[in-house]
All heavy atoms as atom14 arrays in JSON, in Angstrom:
{
  "sequence": "DRRFYGDSVKGRFTISADNAKNTVYLQMNSLKPEDTADYYCAAGL",
  "atom14_mask": [
    [1, 1, 1, 1, 1, 1, 1, 1, 0, 0, 0, 0, 0, 0],
    [1, 1, 1, 1, 1, 1, 1, 1, 1, 1, 1, 0, 0, 0],
    [1, 1, 1, 1, 1, 1, 1, 1, 1, 1, 1, 0, 0, 0],
    [1, 1, 1, 1, 1, 1, 1, 1, 1, 1, 1, 0, 0, 0],
    [1, 1, 1, 1, 1, 1, 1, 1, 1, 1, 1, 1, 0, 0],
    [1, 1, 1, 1, 0, 0, 0, 0, 0, 0, 0, 0, 0, 0],
    [1, 1, 1, 1, 1, 1, 1, 1, 0, 0, 0, 0, 0, 0],
    [1, 1, 1, 1, 1, 1, 0, 0, 0, 0, 0, 0, 0, 0],
    [1, 1, 1, 1, 1, 1, 1, 0, 0, 0, 0, 0, 0, 0],
    [1, 1, 1, 1, 1, 1, 1, 1, 1, 0, 0, 0, 0, 0],
    [1, 1, 1, 1, 0, 0, 0, 0, 0, 0, 0, 0, 0, 0],
    [1, 1, 1, 1, 1, 1, 1, 1, 1, 1, 1, 0, 0, 0],
    [1, 1, 1, 1, 1, 1, 1, 1, 1, 1, 1, 0, 0, 0],
    [1, 1, 1, 1, 1, 1, 1, 0, 0, 0, 0, 0, 0, 0],
    [1, 1, 1, 1, 1, 1, 1, 1, 0, 0, 0, 0, 0, 0],
    [1, 1, 1, 1, 1, 1, 0, 0, 0, 0, 0, 0, 0, 0],
    [1, 1, 1, 1, 1, 0, 0, 0, 0, 0, 0, 0, 0, 0],
    [1, 1, 1, 1, 1, 1, 1, 1, 0, 0, 0, 0, 0, 0],
    [1, 1, 1, 1, 1, 1, 1, 1, 0, 0, 0, 0, 0, 0],
    [1, 1, 1, 1, 1, 0, 0, 0, 0, 0, 0, 0, 0, 0],
    [1, 1, 1, 1, 1, 1, 1, 1, 1, 0, 0, 0, 0, 0],
    [1, 1, 1, 1, 1, 1, 1, 1, 0, 0, 0, 0, 0, 0],
    [1, 1, 1, 1, 1, 1, 1, 0, 0, 0, 0, 0, 0, 0],
    [1, 1, 1, 1, 1, 1, 1, 0, 0, 0, 0, 0, 0, 0],
    [1, 1, 1, 1, 1, 1, 1, 1, 1, 1, 1, 1, 0, 0],
    [1, 1, 1, 1, 1, 1, 1, 1, 0, 0, 0, 0, 0, 0],
    [1, 1, 1, 1, 1, 1, 1, 1, 1, 0, 0, 0, 0, 0],
    [1, 1, 1, 1, 1, 1, 1, 1, 0, 0, 0, 0, 0, 0],
    [1, 1, 1, 1, 1, 1, 1, 1, 0, 0, 0, 0, 0, 0],
    [1, 1, 1, 1, 1, 1, 0, 0, 0, 0, 0, 0, 0, 0],
    [1, 1, 1, 1, 1, 1, 1, 1, 0, 0, 0, 0, 0, 0],
    [1, 1, 1, 1, 1, 1, 1, 1, 1, 0, 0, 0, 0, 0],
    [1, 1, 1, 1, 1, 1, 1, 0, 0, 0, 0, 0, 0, 0],
    [1, 1, 1, 1, 1, 1, 1, 1, 1, 0, 0, 0, 0, 0],
    [1, 1, 1, 1, 1, 1, 1, 1, 0, 0, 0, 0, 0, 0],
    [1, 1, 1, 1, 1, 1, 1, 0, 0, 0, 0, 0, 0, 0],
    [1, 1, 1, 1, 1, 0, 0, 0, 0, 0, 0, 0, 0, 0],
    [1, 1, 1, 1, 1, 1, 1, 1, 0, 0, 0, 0, 0, 0],
    [1, 1, 1, 1, 1, 1, 1, 1, 1, 1, 1, 1, 0, 0],
    [1, 1, 1, 1, 1, 1, 1, 1, 1, 1, 1, 1, 0, 0],
    [1, 1, 1, 1, 1, 1, 0, 0, 0, 0, 0, 0, 0, 0],
    [1, 1, 1, 1, 1, 0, 0, 0, 0, 0, 0, 0, 0, 0],
    [1, 1, 1, 1, 1, 0, 0, 0, 0, 0, 0, 0, 0, 0],
    [1, 1, 1, 1, 0, 0, 0, 0, 0, 0, 0, 0, 0, 0],
    [1, 1, 1, 1, 1, 1, 1, 1, 0, 0, 0, 0, 0, 0]
  ],
  "atom14_positions": [
    [[5.42, -13.05, -2.82], [5.82, -11.74, -2.29], [6.13, -10.71, -3.34], [6.62, -9.72, -3.17], [6.97, -11.85, -1.42], [6.56, -12.32, 0.12], [5.41, -12.18, 0.41], [7.48, -12.86, 0.74], [0.0, 0.0, 0.0], [0.0, 0.0, 0.0], [0.0, 0.0, 0.0], [0.0, 0.0, 0.0], [0.0, 0.0, 0.0], [0.0, 0.0, 0.0]],
    [[5.68, -10.99, -4.59], [5.75, -10.02, -5.69], [4.96, -8.82, -5.27], [3.82, -8.88, -4.75], [5.28, -10.55, -7.02], [6.21, -11.65, -7.5], [5.6, -12.31, -8.7], [5.33, -11.39, -9.85], [4.46, -11.63, -10.83], [3.77, -12.71, -10.84], [4.48, -10.76, -11.78], [0.0, 0.0, 0.0], [0.0, 0.0, 0.0], [0.0, 0.0, 0.0]],
    [[5.39, -7.6, -5.62], [4.73, -6.37, -5.23], [4.53, -5.49, -6.47], [5.37, -5.43, -7.33], [5.57, -5.58, -4.21], [5.72, -6.37, -2.87], [6.77, -5.77, -2.01], [6.7, -6.33, -0.58], [7.28, -7.45, -0.26], [7.93, -8.16, -1.11], [7.2, -7.85, 1.06], [0.0, 0.0, 0.0], [0.0, 0.0, 0.0], [0.0, 0.0, 0.0]],
    [[3.46, -4.76, -6.44], [2.97, -3.88, -7.59], [2.56, -2.57, -6.96], [1.94, -2.54, -5.91], [1.86, -4.58, -8.38], [2.18, -5.94, -8.95], [2.15, -7.12, -8.17], [2.58, -6.06, -10.27], [2.41, -8.34, -8.68], [2.96, -7.33, -10.76], [2.85, -8.49, -9.92], [0.0, 0.0, 0.0], [0.0, 0.0, 0.0], [0.0, 0.0, 0.0]],
    [[2.76, -1.53, -7.78], [2.44, -0.23, -7.36], [1.84, 0.56, -8.54], [2.36, 0.46, -9.67], [3.62, 0.58, -6.79], [4.29, -0.1, -5.6], [5.34, -0.98, -5.77], [3.78, 0.19, -4.32], [5.87, -1.49, -4.63], [4.28, -0.36, -3.2], [5.36, -1.27, -3.39], [5.96, -1.86, -2.25], [0.0, 0.0, 0.0], [0.0, 0.0, 0.0]],
    [[0.88, 1.41, -8.24], [0.38, 2.36, -9.27], [1.5, 3.43, -9.52], [2.25, 3.76, -8.61], [0.0, 0.0, 0.0], [0.0, 0.0, 0.0], [0.0, 0.0, 0.0], [0.0, 0.0, 0.0], [0.0, 0.0, 0.0], [0.0, 0.0, 0.0], [0.0, 0.0, 0.0], [0.0, 0.0, 0.0], [0.0, 0.0, 0.0], [0.0, 0.0, 0.0]],
    [[1.48, 3.96, -10.73], [2.48, 4.92, -11.18], [2.51, 6.17, -10.26], [3.54, 6.72, -9.91], [2.32, 5.39, -12.59], [2.67, 4.27, -13.52], [3.38, 3.31, -13.15], [2.15, 4.27, -14.7], [0.0, 0.0, 0.0], [0.0, 0.0, 0.0], [0.0, 0.0, 0.0], [0.0, 0.0, 0.0], [0.0, 0.0, 0.0], [0.0, 0.0, 0.0]],
    [[1.31, 6.59, -9.69], [1.17, 7.76, -8.94], [1.81, 7.57, -7.6], [2.05, 8.63, -6.91], [-0.23, 8.22, -8.78], [-1.04, 7.18, -8.11], [0.0, 0.0, 0.0], [0.0, 0.0, 0.0], [0.0, 0.0, 0.0], [0.0, 0.0, 0.0], [0.0, 0.0, 0.0], [0.0, 0.0, 0.0], [0.0, 0.0, 0.0], [0.0, 0.0, 0.0]],
    [[2.13, 6.41, -7.05], [2.59, 6.2, -5.68], [3.98, 5.54, -5.69], [4.58, 5.41, -4.61], [1.61, 5.43, -4.83], [0.25, 6.13, -4.84], [1.51, 4.0, -5.26], [0.0, 0.0, 0.0], [0.0, 0.0, 0.0], [0.0, 0.0, 0.0], [0.0, 0.0, 0.0], [0.0, 0.0, 0.0], [0.0, 0.0, 0.0], [0.0, 0.0, 0.0]],
    [[4.41, 5.03, -6.82], [5.71, 4.32, -6.93], [6.86, 5.18, -6.4], [6.96, 6.36, -6.82], [5.94, 3.87, -8.35], [7.2, 2.97, -8.59], [7.25, 2.5, -9.92], [6.06, 1.65, -10.36], [6.26, 0.99, -11.71], [0.0, 0.0, 0.0], [0.0, 0.0, 0.0], [0.0, 0.0, 0.0], [0.0, 0.0, 0.0], [0.0, 0.0, 0.0]],
    [[7.63, 4.6, -5.49], [8.74, 5.36, -4.96], [8.34, 6.01, -3.59], [9.25, 6.49, -2.87], [0.0, 0.0, 0.0], [0.0, 0.0, 0.0], [0.0, 0.0, 0.0], [0.0, 0.0, 0.0], [0.0, 0.0, 0.0], [0.0, 0.0, 0.0], [0.0, 0.0, 0.0], [0.0, 0.0, 0.0], [0.0, 0.0, 0.0], [0.0, 0.0, 0.0]],
    [[7.07, 6.15, -3.38], [6.63, 6.76, -2.07], [5.93, 5.87, -1.16], [5.99, 5.94, 0.05], [5.74, 7.98, -2.36], [6.33, 9.14, -3.23], [5.4, 10.26, -3.35], [4.13, 9.97, -4.0], [2.98, 10.07, -3.5], [2.8, 10.54, -2.28], [1.81, 9.72, -4.26], [0.0, 0.0, 0.0], [0.0, 0.0, 0.0], [0.0, 0.0, 0.0]],
    [[5.22, 4.84, -1.68], [4.44, 3.88, -0.9], [5.19, 2.51, -0.98], [5.83, 2.1, -1.96], [3.0, 3.62, -1.41], [2.16, 4.88, -1.24], [2.66, 6.11, -0.86], [0.73, 4.73, -1.54], [1.79, 7.19, -0.71], [-0.03, 5.87, -1.36], [0.47, 7.04, -0.96], [0.0, 0.0, 0.0], [0.0, 0.0, 0.0], [0.0, 0.0, 0.0]],
    [[5.04, 1.78, 0.12], [5.6, 0.48, 0.26], [4.57, -0.54, 0.81], [4.06, -0.35, 1.9], [6.91, 0.43, 1.05], [7.84, 1.3, 0.49], [7.43, -0.97, 1.07], [0.0, 0.0, 0.0], [0.0, 0.0, 0.0], [0.0, 0.0, 0.0], [0.0, 0.0, 0.0], [0.0, 0.0, 0.0], [0.0, 0.0, 0.0], [0.0, 0.0, 0.0]],
    [[4.32, -1.65, 0.11], [3.4, -2.64, 0.69], [4.19, -3.83, 1.3], [5.27, -4.15, 0.78], [2.44, -3.17, -0.4], [1.26, -3.96, 0.29], [3.15, -3.93, -1.53], [0.18, -4.28, -0.76], [0.0, 0.0, 0.0], [0.0, 0.0, 0.0], [0.0, 0.0, 0.0], [0.0, 0.0, 0.0], [0.0, 0.0, 0.0], [0.0, 0.0, 0.0]],
    [[3.76, -4.38, 2.39], [4.39, -5.47, 3.11], [3.42, -6.29, 3.86], [2.31, -5.92, 4.01], [5.49, -4.94, 4.06], [4.9, -4.12, 5.04], [0.0, 0.0, 0.0], [0.0, 0.0, 0.0], [0.0, 0.0, 0.0], [0.0, 0.0, 0.0], [0.0, 0.0, 0.0], [0.0, 0.0, 0.0], [0.0, 0.0, 0.0], [0.0, 0.0, 0.0]],
    [[3.81, -7.46, 4.19], [2.89, -8.43, 4.86], [3.66, -8.98, 6.08], [4.84, -9.32, 6.06], [2.46, -9.53, 3.92], [0.0, 0.0, 0.0], [0.0, 0.0, 0.0], [0.0, 0.0, 0.0], [0.0, 0.0, 0.0], [0.0, 0.0, 0.0], [0.0, 0.0, 0.0], [0.0, 0.0, 0.0], [0.0, 0.0, 0.0], [0.0, 0.0, 0.0]],
    [[2.85, -9.19, 7.14], [3.27, -9.85, 8.37], [2.4, -11.04, 8.54], [1.34, -10.95, 9.03], [3.23, -8.9, 9.61], [3.83, -9.59, 10.83], [3.93, -10.79, 10.88], [4.22, -8.82, 11.76], [0.0, 0.0, 0.0], [0.0, 0.0, 0.0], [0.0, 0.0, 0.0], [0.0, 0.0, 0.0], [0.0, 0.0, 0.0], [0.0, 0.0, 0.0]],
    [[2.83, -12.17, 8.05], [2.0, -13.47, 8.13], [1.7, -13.87, 9.47], [0.56, -14.39, 9.69], [2.69, -14.53, 7.27], [2.76, -14.23, 5.8], [1.87, -13.6, 5.26], [3.72, -14.85, 5.15], [0.0, 0.0, 0.0], [0.0, 0.0, 0.0], [0.0, 0.0, 0.0], [0.0, 0.0, 0.0], [0.0, 0.0, 0.0], [0.0, 0.0, 0.0]],
    [[2.54, -13.67, 10.47], [2.32, -14.08, 11.85], [1.12, -13.21, 12.37], [0.32, -13.76, 13.22], [3.5, -13.82, 12.71], [0.0, 0.0, 0.0], [0.0, 0.0, 0.0], [0.0, 0.0, 0.0], [0.0, 0.0, 0.0], [0.0, 0.0, 0.0], [0.0, 0.0, 0.0], [0.0, 0.0, 0.0], [0.0, 0.0, 0.0], [0.0, 0.0, 0.0]],
    [[0.98, -11.99, 11.94], [-0.11, -11.21, 12.41], [-1.31, -11.26, 11.46], [-2.35, -10.52, 11.71], [0.29, -9.74, 12.58], [1.35, -9.59, 13.75], [1.75, -8.12, 13.9], [2.73, -8.01, 15.01], [3.07, -6.49, 15.22], [0.0, 0.0, 0.0], [0.0, 0.0, 0.0], [0.0, 0.0, 0.0], [0.0, 0.0, 0.0], [0.0, 0.0, 0.0]],
    [[-1.15, -11.85, 10.28], [-2.25, -11.97, 9.34], [-2.65, -10.55, 8.86], [-3.84, -10.26, 8.8], [-3.38, -12.72, 9.82], [-4.08, -13.57, 8.73], [-3.44, -13.97, 7.72], [-5.34, -13.87, 8.87], [0.0, 0.0, 0.0], [0.0, 0.0, 0.0], [0.0, 0.0, 0.0], [0.0, 0.0, 0.0], [0.0, 0.0, 0.0], [0.0, 0.0, 0.0]],
    [[-1.66, -9.63, 8.64], [-1.89, -8.27, 8.39], [-0.99, -7.82, 7.19], [0.17, -8.17, 7.18], [-1.59, -7.41, 9.64], [-2.46, -7.77, 10.69], [-1.72, -5.97, 9.36], [0.0, 0.0, 0.0], [0.0, 0.0, 0.0], [0.0, 0.0, 0.0], [0.0, 0.0, 0.0], [0.0, 0.0, 0.0], [0.0, 0.0, 0.0], [0.0, 0.0, 0.0]],
    [[-1.58, -6.96, 6.31], [-0.77, -6.33, 5.3], [-0.74, -4.9, 5.52], [-1.76, -4.28, 6.12], [-1.42, -6.56, 3.97], [-0.84, -5.74, 2.87], [-1.33, -8.03, 3.57], [0.0, 0.0, 0.0], [0.0, 0.0, 0.0], [0.0, 0.0, 0.0], [0.0, 0.0, 0.0], [0.0, 0.0, 0.0], [0.0, 0.0, 0.0], [0.0, 0.0, 0.0]],
    [[0.42, -4.22, 5.36], [0.66, -2.86, 5.65], [0.86, -2.09, 4.35], [1.33, -2.63, 3.37], [1.86, -2.62, 6.57], [1.66, -3.4, 7.87], [2.27, -4.66, 8.04], [1.0, -2.81, 8.94], [2.21, -5.33, 9.21], [0.83, -3.51, 10.14], [1.49, -4.76, 10.27], [1.4, -5.46, 11.46], [0.0, 0.0, 0.0], [0.0, 0.0, 0.0]],
    [[0.5, -0.78, 4.38], [0.87, 0.18, 3.33], [1.52, 1.4, 3.94], [0.81, 2.18, 4.63], [-0.36, 0.56, 2.48], [-0.11, 1.47, 1.35], [0.59, 0.71, 0.29], [-1.37, 2.09, 0.75], [0.0, 0.0, 0.0], [0.0, 0.0, 0.0], [0.0, 0.0, 0.0], [0.0, 0.0, 0.0], [0.0, 0.0, 0.0], [0.0, 0.0, 0.0]],
    [[2.93, 1.41, 3.84], [3.59, 2.57, 4.34], [3.52, 3.74, 3.3], [3.98, 3.44, 2.15], [5.05, 2.23, 4.65], [5.94, 3.35, 5.14], [5.47, 3.81, 6.51], [5.24, 3.0, 7.37], [5.41, 5.12, 6.65], [0.0, 0.0, 0.0], [0.0, 0.0, 0.0], [0.0, 0.0, 0.0], [0.0, 0.0, 0.0], [0.0, 0.0, 0.0]],
    [[3.06, 4.86, 3.69], [2.94, 5.95, 2.72], [3.79, 7.16, 3.15], [3.54, 7.65, 4.24], [1.42, 6.41, 2.68], [0.42, 5.29, 2.4], [-1.22, 5.86, 2.13], [-1.57, 6.52, 3.77], [0.0, 0.0, 0.0], [0.0, 0.0, 0.0], [0.0, 0.0, 0.0], [0.0, 0.0, 0.0], [0.0, 0.0, 0.0], [0.0, 0.0, 0.0]],
    [[4.78, 7.39, 2.44], [5.68, 8.57, 2.69], [5.52, 9.64, 1.68], [4.94, 9.45, 0.65], [7.12, 7.98, 2.67], [7.4, 6.95, 3.7], [6.88, 7.05, 4.84], [8.29, 6.03, 3.4], [0.0, 0.0, 0.0], [0.0, 0.0, 0.0], [0.0, 0.0, 0.0], [0.0, 0.0, 0.0], [0.0, 0.0, 0.0], [0.0, 0.0, 0.0]],
    [[6.05, 10.79, 2.03], [6.02, 11.94, 1.15], [4.57, 12.2, 0.56], [4.39, 12.4, -0.53], [7.0, 11.78, -0.09], [8.34, 11.57, 0.43], [0.0, 0.0, 0.0], [0.0, 0.0, 0.0], [0.0, 0.0, 0.0], [0.0, 0.0, 0.0], [0.0, 0.0, 0.0], [0.0, 0.0, 0.0], [0.0, 0.0, 0.0], [0.0, 0.0, 0.0]],
    [[3.65, 12.23, 1.53], [2.25, 12.35, 1.15], [1.99, 13.72, 0.49], [2.49, 14.75, 0.89], [1.31, 12.09, 2.32], [1.28, 10.67, 2.76], [0.65, 10.59, 4.11], [0.4, 9.91, 1.77], [0.0, 0.0, 0.0], [0.0, 0.0, 0.0], [0.0, 0.0, 0.0], [0.0, 0.0, 0.0], [0.0, 0.0, 0.0], [0.0, 0.0, 0.0]],
    [[1.1, 13.66, -0.44], [0.67, 14.87, -1.24], [-0.77, 15.08, -1.03], [-1.56, 14.08, -0.71], [1.0, 14.69, -2.73], [2.42, 14.3, -3.1], [2.59, 14.04, -4.51], [3.97, 13.81, -4.93], [4.21, 13.44, -6.29], [0.0, 0.0, 0.0], [0.0, 0.0, 0.0], [0.0, 0.0, 0.0], [0.0, 0.0, 0.0], [0.0, 0.0, 0.0]],
    [[-1.3, 16.36, -1.25], [-2.76, 16.52, -1.13], [-3.59, 15.63, -2.05], [-4.67, 15.15, -1.69], [-2.86, 17.96, -1.55], [-1.58, 18.62, -1.1], [-0.55, 17.55, -1.4], [0.0, 0.0, 0.0], [0.0, 0.0, 0.0], [0.0, 0.0, 0.0], [0.0, 0.0, 0.0], [0.0, 0.0, 0.0], [0.0, 0.0, 0.0], [0.0, 0.0, 0.0]],
    [[-3.1, 15.23, -3.2], [-3.81, 14.44, -4.12], [-3.87, 12.99, -3.63], [-4.6, 12.15, -4.25], [-3.16, 14.51, -5.52], [-1.72, 14.25, -5.53], [-0.92, 15.46, -5.63], [-1.23, 16.49, -4.86], [0.05, 15.57, -6.42], [0.0, 0.0, 0.0], [0.0, 0.0, 0.0], [0.0, 0.0, 0.0], [0.0, 0.0, 0.0], [0.0, 0.0, 0.0]],
    [[-3.21, 12.68, -2.54], [-3.28, 11.33, -1.96], [-4.47, 11.25, -1.01], [-4.8, 10.12, -0.52], [-2.05, 10.95, -1.16], [-0.87, 10.77, -1.94], [-0.9, 10.2, -3.08], [0.3, 11.23, -1.54], [0.0, 0.0, 0.0], [0.0, 0.0, 0.0], [0.0, 0.0, 0.0], [0.0, 0.0, 0.0], [0.0, 0.0, 0.0], [0.0, 0.0, 0.0]],
    [[-5.15, 12.27, -0.75], [-6.3, 12.34, 0.03], [-7.49, 11.53, -0.53], [-7.8, 11.66, -1.72], [-6.9, 13.8, 0.2], [-5.93, 14.53, 0.89], [-8.17, 13.82, 0.94], [0.0, 0.0, 0.0], [0.0, 0.0, 0.0], [0.0, 0.0, 0.0], [0.0, 0.0, 0.0], [0.0, 0.0, 0.0], [0.0, 0.0, 0.0], [0.0, 0.0, 0.0]],
    [[-7.95, 10.55, 0.21], [-8.97, 9.54, -0.3], [-9.31, 8.66, 0.83], [-8.77, 8.6, 1.95], [-8.45, 8.78, -1.5], [0.0, 0.0, 0.0], [0.0, 0.0, 0.0], [0.0, 0.0, 0.0], [0.0, 0.0, 0.0], [0.0, 0.0, 0.0], [0.0, 0.0, 0.0], [0.0, 0.0, 0.0], [0.0, 0.0, 0.0], [0.0, 0.0, 0.0]],
    [[-10.38, 7.84, 0.63], [-10.7, 6.73, 1.43], [-9.91, 5.54, 0.82], [-9.94, 5.28, -0.33], [-12.18, 6.35, 1.42], [-13.04, 7.48, 2.05], [-12.51, 8.1, 3.07], [-14.17, 7.66, 1.61], [0.0, 0.0, 0.0], [0.0, 0.0, 0.0], [0.0, 0.0, 0.0], [0.0, 0.0, 0.0], [0.0, 0.0, 0.0], [0.0, 0.0, 0.0]],
    [[-9.16, 4.83, 1.77], [-8.27, 3.7, 1.31], [-8.91, 2.36, 1.73], [-9.37, 2.24, 2.92], [-6.92, 3.88, 1.96], [-6.03, 4.87, 1.2], [-6.28, 6.2, 1.4], [-5.03, 4.48, 0.38], [-5.62, 7.2, 0.71], [-4.24, 5.43, -0.3], [-4.53, 6.78, -0.12], [-3.72, 7.75, -0.75], [0.0, 0.0, 0.0], [0.0, 0.0, 0.0]],
    [[-8.99, 1.38, 0.82], [-9.64, 0.1, 1.04], [-8.53, -1.01, 0.74], [-7.77, -0.83, -0.16], [-10.8, -0.07, 0.12], [-11.88, 0.96, 0.29], [-11.82, 2.16, -0.35], [-13.04, 0.68, 1.07], [-12.83, 3.16, -0.27], [-14.03, 1.65, 1.21], [-13.91, 2.81, 0.55], [-14.94, 3.74, 0.66], [0.0, 0.0, 0.0], [0.0, 0.0, 0.0]],
    [[-8.62, -2.02, 1.51], [-7.9, -3.23, 1.13], [-8.92, -4.31, 0.68], [-10.04, -4.39, 1.06], [-6.93, -3.76, 2.27], [-7.84, -4.3, 3.71], [0.0, 0.0, 0.0], [0.0, 0.0, 0.0], [0.0, 0.0, 0.0], [0.0, 0.0, 0.0], [0.0, 0.0, 0.0], [0.0, 0.0, 0.0], [0.0, 0.0, 0.0], [0.0, 0.0, 0.0]],
    [[-8.43, -5.21, -0.23], [-9.21, -6.28, -0.71], [-8.43, -7.54, -0.96], [-7.31, -7.45, -1.32], [-9.88, -5.89, -2.07], [0.0, 0.0, 0.0], [0.0, 0.0, 0.0], [0.0, 0.0, 0.0], [0.0, 0.0, 0.0], [0.0, 0.0, 0.0], [0.0, 0.0, 0.0], [0.0, 0.0, 0.0], [0.0, 0.0, 0.0], [0.0, 0.0, 0.0]],
    [[-9.0, -8.67, -0.7], [-8.37, -9.99, -0.96], [-8.94, -10.61, -2.22], [-10.19, -10.69, -2.33], [-8.55, -10.94, 0.28], [0.0, 0.0, 0.0], [0.0, 0.0, 0.0], [0.0, 0.0, 0.0], [0.0, 0.0, 0.0], [0.0, 0.0, 0.0], [0.0, 0.0, 0.0], [0.0, 0.0, 0.0], [0.0, 0.0, 0.0], [0.0, 0.0, 0.0]],
    [[-8.04, -11.14, -3.01], [-8.48, -11.73, -4.24], [-7.73, -13.02, -4.56], [-6.57, -13.24, -4.04], [0.0, 0.0, 0.0], [0.0, 0.0, 0.0], [0.0, 0.0, 0.0], [0.0, 0.0, 0.0], [0.0, 0.0, 0.0], [0.0, 0.0, 0.0], [0.0, 0.0, 0.0], [0.0, 0.0, 0.0], [0.0, 0.0, 0.0], [0.0, 0.0, 0.0]],
    [[-8.34, -13.81, -5.45], [-7.68, -15.09, -5.91], [-6.94, -14.93, -7.23], [-6.17, -15.75, -7.58], [-8.85, -16.1, -6.07], [-9.5, -16.55, -4.81], [-10.72, -17.41, -5.09], [-8.56, -17.13, -3.75], [0.0, 0.0, 0.0], [0.0, 0.0, 0.0], [0.0, 0.0, 0.0], [0.0, 0.0, 0.0], [0.0, 0.0, 0.0], [0.0, 0.0, 0.0]]
  ]
}
């Protein structure tokens, strides 16, 4: 459950996982116009 954040979102975004639902979430607060983008999730080893 170690978590990592890019400098541009640290303090505003929070990543979490619900293993029972097999789902990862990204809570995004205090959104800025520069956060506008297409967001993708990816699984890696």
